[in-house]
Each structure stands twice: as C-alpha cells, then as structure tokens.
Amino acid sequence: MIKKWLSYRERDLLKRDMNPEEVEEVSAMARRIAAIILLGPALDANYQAVKKSTYKWPE
C-alpha cells in the first residue's frame, strides 16, 4: 500500500519533492500499519477467548 502510494509521488512524475503534508501522511500510514501488526497477537488471543465462550444453541 505504501509502496504504491509513494510510486504516485515520485519526483520524476510530480516534477517536485513531496510536500510536508505528504510526508506526514506516509508516516501516519506506516504508524497505523505497525500498530495493526503489533495488535495482531492480542486480537488473535481475544478471538480465541470469545470463540471458546460462545453460546451453544440447542439443536
């Protein structure tokens, strides 16, 4: 995702450097992706806990 976003902002294509807002946006994207990756184990554990405690509907 970031690689594609950056490819549209190459200097040869835009004929300019990225502006501060664009740099801030790509940094924010990287932080959001890192946060999701770091949350992975906790989300997986939560899913397993919820899965074990689901209500068993009568047949």
PDB file of N, CA and C in Angstrom:
ATOM      1  N   MET A   1       0.825  -1.185   0.000  1.00  0.00           N
ATOM      2  CA  MET A   1       0.000   0.000   0.000  1.00  0.00           C
ATOM      3  C   MET A   1       0.877   1.260   0.000  1.00  0.00           C
ATOM      4  N   ILE A   2       1.839   1.305   0.895  1.00  0.00           N
ATOM      5  CA  ILE A   2       2.700   2.481   0.957  1.00  0.00           C
ATOM      6  C   ILE A   2       3.548   2.584  -0.305  1.00  0.00           C
ATOM      7  N   LYS A   3       4.042   1.443  -0.786  1.00  0.00           N
ATOM      8  CA  LYS A   3       4.877   1.456  -1.987  1.00  0.00           C
ATOM      9  C   LYS A   3       4.110   2.043  -3.170  1.00  0.00           C
ATOM     10  N   LYS A   4       2.854   1.649  -3.331  1.00  0.00           N
ATOM     11  CA  LYS A   4       2.043   2.174  -4.433  1.00  0.00           C
ATOM     12  C   LYS A   4       1.780   3.669  -4.229  1.00  0.00           C
ATOM     13  N   TRP A   5       1.435   4.065  -3.006  1.00  0.00           N
ATOM     14  CA  TRP A   5       1.177   5.473  -2.701  1.00  0.00           C
ATOM     15  C   TRP A   5       2.404   6.307  -3.061  1.00  0.00           C
ATOM     16  N   LEU A   6       3.591   5.815  -2.663  1.00  0.00           N
ATOM     17  CA  LEU A   6       4.814   6.548  -2.957  1.00  0.00           C
ATOM     18  C   LEU A   6       5.126   6.577  -4.452  1.00  0.00           C
ATOM     19  N   SER A   7       4.756   5.503  -5.158  1.00  0.00           N
ATOM     20  CA  SER A   7       5.049   5.460  -6.591  1.00  0.00           C
ATOM     21  C   SER A   7       4.322   6.566  -7.351  1.00  0.00           C
ATOM     22  N   TYR A   8       3.175   6.990  -6.853  1.00  0.00           N
ATOM     23  CA  TYR A   8       2.439   8.088  -7.484  1.00  0.00           C
ATOM     24  C   TYR A   8       3.021   9.456  -7.123  1.00  0.00           C
ATOM     25  N   ARG A   9       3.981   9.471  -6.215  1.00  0.00           N
ATOM     26  CA  ARG A   9       4.571  10.726  -5.779  1.00  0.00           C
ATOM     27  C   ARG A   9       6.063  10.797  -6.070  1.00  0.00           C
ATOM     28  N   GLU A  10       6.495  10.020  -7.060  1.00  0.00           N
ATOM     29  CA  GLU A  10       7.899  10.069  -7.447  1.00  0.00           C
ATOM     30  C   GLU A  10       8.231  11.448  -8.018  1.00  0.00           C
ATOM     31  N   ARG A  11       9.440  11.855  -7.755  1.00  0.00           N
ATOM     32  CA  ARG A  11       9.870  13.185  -8.187  1.00  0.00           C
ATOM     33  C   ARG A  11       9.752  13.348  -9.704  1.00  0.00           C
ATOM     34  N   ASP A  12      10.116  12.320 -10.467  1.00  0.00           N
ATOM     35  CA  ASP A  12      10.034  12.407 -11.928  1.00  0.00           C
ATOM     36  C   ASP A  12       8.595  12.587 -12.400  1.00  0.00           C
ATOM     37  N   LEU A  13       7.667  11.994 -11.695  1.00  0.00           N
ATOM     38  CA  LEU A  13       6.257  12.090 -12.072  1.00  0.00           C
ATOM     39  C   LEU A  13       5.658  13.445 -11.686  1.00  0.00           C
ATOM     40  N   LEU A  14       5.903  13.875 -10.457  1.00  0.00           N
ATOM     41  CA  LEU A  14       5.318  15.127  -9.972  1.00  0.00           C
ATOM     42  C   LEU A  14       6.124  16.365 -10.365  1.00  0.00           C
ATOM     43  N   LYS A  15       7.369  16.144 -10.723  1.00  0.00           N
ATOM     44  CA  LYS A  15       8.277  17.267 -11.037  1.00  0.00           C
ATOM     45  C   LYS A  15       8.529  18.146  -9.812  1.00  0.00           C
ATOM     46  N   ARG A  16       8.446  17.536  -8.619  1.00  0.00           N
ATOM     47  CA  ARG A  16       8.713  18.259  -7.374  1.00  0.00           C
ATOM     48  C   ARG A  16       8.947  17.245  -6.262  1.00  0.00           C
ATOM     49  N   ASP A  17       9.499  17.707  -5.160  1.00  0.00           N
ATOM     50  CA  ASP A  17       9.625  16.858  -3.975  1.00  0.00           C
ATOM     51  C   ASP A  17       8.271  16.761  -3.286  1.00  0.00           C
ATOM     52  N   MET A  18       8.145  15.759  -2.427  1.00  0.00           N
ATOM     53  CA  MET A  18       6.904  15.669  -1.651  1.00  0.00           C
ATOM     54  C   MET A  18       6.830  16.847  -0.697  1.00  0.00           C
ATOM     55  N   ASN A  19       5.621  17.332  -0.470  1.00  0.00           N
ATOM     56  CA  ASN A  19       5.454  18.434   0.469  1.00  0.00           C
ATOM     57  C   ASN A  19       5.323  17.877   1.893  1.00  0.00           C
ATOM     58  N   PRO A  20       5.419  18.716   2.901  1.00  0.00           N
ATOM     59  CA  PRO A  20       5.365  18.242   4.291  1.00  0.00           C
ATOM     60  C   PRO A  20       4.082  17.461   4.617  1.00  0.00           C
ATOM     61  N   GLU A  21       2.965  17.843   4.035  1.00  0.00           N
ATOM     62  CA  GLU A  21       1.713  17.121   4.306  1.00  0.00           C
ATOM     63  C   GLU A  21       1.772  15.697   3.758  1.00  0.00           C
ATOM     64  N   GLU A  22       2.379  15.521   2.591  1.00  0.00           N
ATOM     65  CA  GLU A  22       2.513  14.186   2.009  1.00  0.00           C
ATOM     66  C   GLU A  22       3.459  13.318   2.833  1.00  0.00           C
ATOM     67  N   VAL A  23       4.542  13.904   3.310  1.00  0.00           N
ATOM     68  CA  VAL A  23       5.480  13.177   4.165  1.00  0.00           C
ATOM     69  C   VAL A  23       4.789  12.770   5.463  1.00  0.00           C
ATOM     70  N   GLU A  24       4.009  13.672   6.024  1.00  0.00           N
ATOM     71  CA  GLU A  24       3.267  13.371   7.254  1.00  0.00           C
ATOM     72  C   GLU A  24       2.263  12.240   7.020  1.00  0.00           C
ATOM     73  N   GLU A  25       1.597  12.255   5.877  1.00  0.00           N
ATOM     74  CA  GLU A  25       0.605  11.217   5.575  1.00  0.00           C
ATOM     75  C   GLU A  25       1.252   9.845   5.441  1.00  0.00           C
ATOM     76  N   VAL A  26       2.369   9.749   4.742  1.00  0.00           N
ATOM     77  CA  VAL A  26       3.017   8.444   4.590  1.00  0.00           C
ATOM     78  C   VAL A  26       3.558   7.958   5.934  1.00  0.00           C
ATOM     79  N   SER A  27       4.021   8.870   6.769  1.00  0.00           N
ATOM     80  CA  SER A  27       4.469   8.491   8.115  1.00  0.00           C
ATOM     81  C   SER A  27       3.296   7.970   8.943  1.00  0.00           C
ATOM     82  N   ALA A  28       2.156   8.622   8.837  1.00  0.00           N
ATOM     83  CA  ALA A  28       0.961   8.182   9.566  1.00  0.00           C
ATOM     84  C   ALA A  28       0.501   6.814   9.081  1.00  0.00           C
ATOM     85  N   MET A  29       0.573   6.581   7.774  1.00  0.00           N
ATOM     86  CA  MET A  29       0.202   5.265   7.237  1.00  0.00           C
ATOM     87  C   MET A  29       1.094   4.176   7.829  1.00  0.00           C
ATOM     88  N   ALA A  30       2.388   4.442   7.865  1.00  0.00           N
ATOM     89  CA  ALA A  30       3.333   3.464   8.409  1.00  0.00           C
ATOM     90  C   ALA A  30       3.049   3.180   9.888  1.00  0.00           C
ATOM     91  N   ARG A  31       2.730   4.232  10.643  1.00  0.00           N
ATOM     92  CA  ARG A  31       2.407   4.033  12.066  1.00  0.00           C
ATOM     93  C   ARG A  31       1.135   3.215  12.246  1.00  0.00           C
ATOM     94  N   ARG A  32       0.112   3.473  11.418  1.00  0.00           N
ATOM     95  CA  ARG A  32      -1.140   2.707  11.522  1.00  0.00           C
ATOM     96  C   ARG A  32      -0.914   1.238  11.187  1.00  0.00           C
ATOM     97  N   ILE A  33      -0.145   0.971  10.140  1.00  0.00           N
ATOM     98  CA  ILE A  33       0.140  -0.418   9.765  1.00  0.00           C
ATOM     99  C   ILE A  33       0.926  -1.108  10.872  1.00  0.00           C
ATOM    100  N   ALA A  34       1.920  -0.427  11.433  1.00  0.00           N
ATOM    101  CA  ALA A  34       2.701  -1.007  12.529  1.00  0.00           C
ATOM    102  C   ALA A  34       1.820  -1.302  13.741  1.00  0.00           C
ATOM    103  N   ALA A  35       0.902  -0.416  14.056  1.00  0.00           N
ATOM    104  CA  ALA A  35       0.004  -0.629  15.201  1.00  0.00           C
ATOM    105  C   ALA A  35      -0.871  -1.851  14.979  1.00  0.00           C
ATOM    106  N   ILE A  36      -1.388  -2.026  13.766  1.00  0.00           N
ATOM    107  CA  ILE A  36      -2.221  -3.188  13.462  1.00  0.00           C
ATOM    108  C   ILE A  36      -1.406  -4.470  13.596  1.00  0.00           C
ATOM    109  N   ILE A  37      -0.174  -4.455  13.086  1.00  0.00           N
ATOM    110  CA  ILE A  37       0.683  -5.639  13.188  1.00  0.00           C
ATOM    111  C   ILE A  37       0.984  -5.961  14.647  1.00  0.00           C
ATOM    112  N   LEU A  38       1.287  -4.934  15.444  1.00  0.00           N
ATOM    113  CA  LEU A  38       1.593  -5.159  16.857  1.00  0.00           C
ATOM    114  C   LEU A  38       0.375  -5.630  17.644  1.00  0.00           C
ATOM    115  N   LEU A  39      -0.822  -5.241  17.216  1.00  0.00           N
ATOM    116  CA  LEU A  39      -2.045  -5.682  17.888  1.00  0.00           C
ATOM    117  C   LEU A  39      -2.433  -7.118  17.512  1.00  0.00           C
ATOM    118  N   GLY A  40      -1.836  -7.654  16.478  1.00  0.00           N
ATOM    119  CA  GLY A  40      -2.193  -8.986  15.977  1.00  0.00           C
ATOM    120  C   GLY A  40      -2.294 -10.054  17.052  1.00  0.00           C
ATOM    121  N   PRO A  41      -1.257 -10.287  17.850  1.00  0.00           N
ATOM    122  CA  PRO A  41      -1.331 -11.339  18.869  1.00  0.00           C
ATOM    123  C   PRO A  41      -2.463 -11.117  19.879  1.00  0.00           C
ATOM    124  N   ALA A  42      -2.670  -9.894  20.309  1.00  0.00           N
ATOM    125  CA  ALA A  42      -3.753  -9.612  21.265  1.00  0.00           C
ATOM    126  C   ALA A  42      -5.113  -9.846  20.612  1.00  0.00           C
ATOM    127  N   LEU A  43      -5.264  -9.456  19.370  1.00  0.00           N
ATOM    128  CA  LEU A  43      -6.534  -9.687  18.665  1.00  0.00           C
ATOM    129  C   LEU A  43      -6.780 -11.175  18.465  1.00  0.00           C
ATOM    130  N   ASP A  44      -5.735 -11.926  18.132  1.00  0.00           N
ATOM    131  CA  ASP A  44      -5.873 -13.373  17.972  1.00  0.00           C
ATOM    132  C   ASP A  44      -6.271 -14.036  19.287  1.00  0.00           C
ATOM    133  N   ALA A  45      -5.646 -13.618  20.372  1.00  0.00           N
ATOM    134  CA  ALA A  45      -5.976 -14.180  21.693  1.00  0.00           C
ATOM    135  C   ALA A  45      -7.409 -13.844  22.075  1.00  0.00           C
ATOM    136  N   ASN A  46      -7.832 -12.629  21.805  1.00  0.00           N
ATOM    137  CA  ASN A  46      -9.205 -12.235  22.100  1.00  0.00           C
ATOM    138  C   ASN A  46     -10.195 -13.063  21.285  1.00  0.00           C
ATOM    139  N   TYR A  47      -9.895 -13.280  20.025  1.00  0.00           N
ATOM    140  CA  TYR A  47     -10.765 -14.087  19.173  1.00  0.00           C
ATOM    141  C   TYR A  47     -10.890 -15.504  19.726  1.00  0.00           C
ATOM    142  N   GLN A  48      -9.768 -16.097  20.122  1.00  0.00           N
ATOM    143  CA  GLN A  48      -9.807 -17.456  20.665  1.00  0.00           C
ATOM    144  C   GLN A  48     -10.626 -17.502  21.959  1.00  0.00           C
ATOM    145  N   ALA A  49     -10.492 -16.506  22.816  1.00  0.00           N
ATOM    146  CA  ALA A  49     -11.257 -16.467  24.067  1.00  0.00           C
ATOM    147  C   ALA A  49     -12.751 -16.345  23.789  1.00  0.00           C
ATOM    148  N   VAL A  50     -13.113 -15.497  22.851  1.00  0.00           N
ATOM    149  CA  VAL A  50     -14.527 -15.322  22.510  1.00  0.00           C
ATOM    150  C   VAL A  50     -15.077 -16.596  21.868  1.00  0.00           C
ATOM    151  N   LYS A  51     -14.283 -17.210  21.018  1.00  0.00           N
ATOM    152  CA  LYS A  51     -14.717 -18.431  20.339  1.00  0.00           C
ATOM    153  C   LYS A  51     -15.007 -19.553  21.339  1.00  0.00           C
ATOM    154  N   LYS A  52     -14.198 -19.627  22.394  1.00  0.00           N
ATOM    155  CA  LYS A  52     -14.394 -20.667  23.409  1.00  0.00           C
ATOM    156  C   LYS A  52     -15.633 -20.423  24.260  1.00  0.00           C
ATOM    157  N   SER A  53     -16.059 -19.187  24.374  1.00  0.00           N
ATOM    158  CA  SER A  53     -17.170 -18.873  25.278  1.00  0.00           C
ATOM    159  C   SER A  53     -18.460 -18.532  24.535  1.00  0.00           C
ATOM    160  N   THR A  54     -18.586 -18.956  23.310  1.00  0.00           N
ATOM    161  CA  THR A  54     -19.813 -18.658  22.571  1.00  0.00           C
ATOM    162  C   THR A  54     -20.973 -19.507  23.079  1.00  0.00           C
ATOM    163  N   TYR A  55     -22.157 -19.000  22.922  1.00  0.00           N
ATOM    164  CA  TYR A  55     -23.366 -19.691  23.357  1.00  0.00           C
ATOM    165  C   TYR A  55     -23.643 -20.868  22.417  1.00  0.00           C
ATOM    166  N   LYS A  56     -23.940 -22.010  22.990  1.00  0.00           N
ATOM    167  CA  LYS A  56     -24.283 -23.195  22.195  1.00  0.00           C
ATOM    168  C   LYS A  56     -25.787 -23.258  22.042  1.00  0.00           C
ATOM    169  N   TRP A  57     -26.276 -23.003  20.852  1.00  0.00           N
ATOM    170  CA  TRP A  57     -27.697 -23.029  20.591  1.00  0.00           C
ATOM    171  C   TRP A  57     -28.217 -24.458  20.623  1.00  0.00           C
ATOM    172  N   PRO A  58     -29.401 -24.656  21.234  1.00  0.00           N
ATOM    173  CA  PRO A  58     -29.987 -26.014  21.248  1.00  0.00           C
ATOM    174  C   PRO A  58     -30.330 -26.427  19.800  1.00  0.00           C
ATOM    175  N   GLU A  59     -30.176 -27.680  19.563  1.00  0.00           N
ATOM    176  CA  GLU A  59     -30.474 -28.171  18.197  1.00  0.00           C
ATOM    177  C   GLU A  59     -31.917 -28.551  18.046  1.00  0.00           C
TER     178      GLU A  59
END
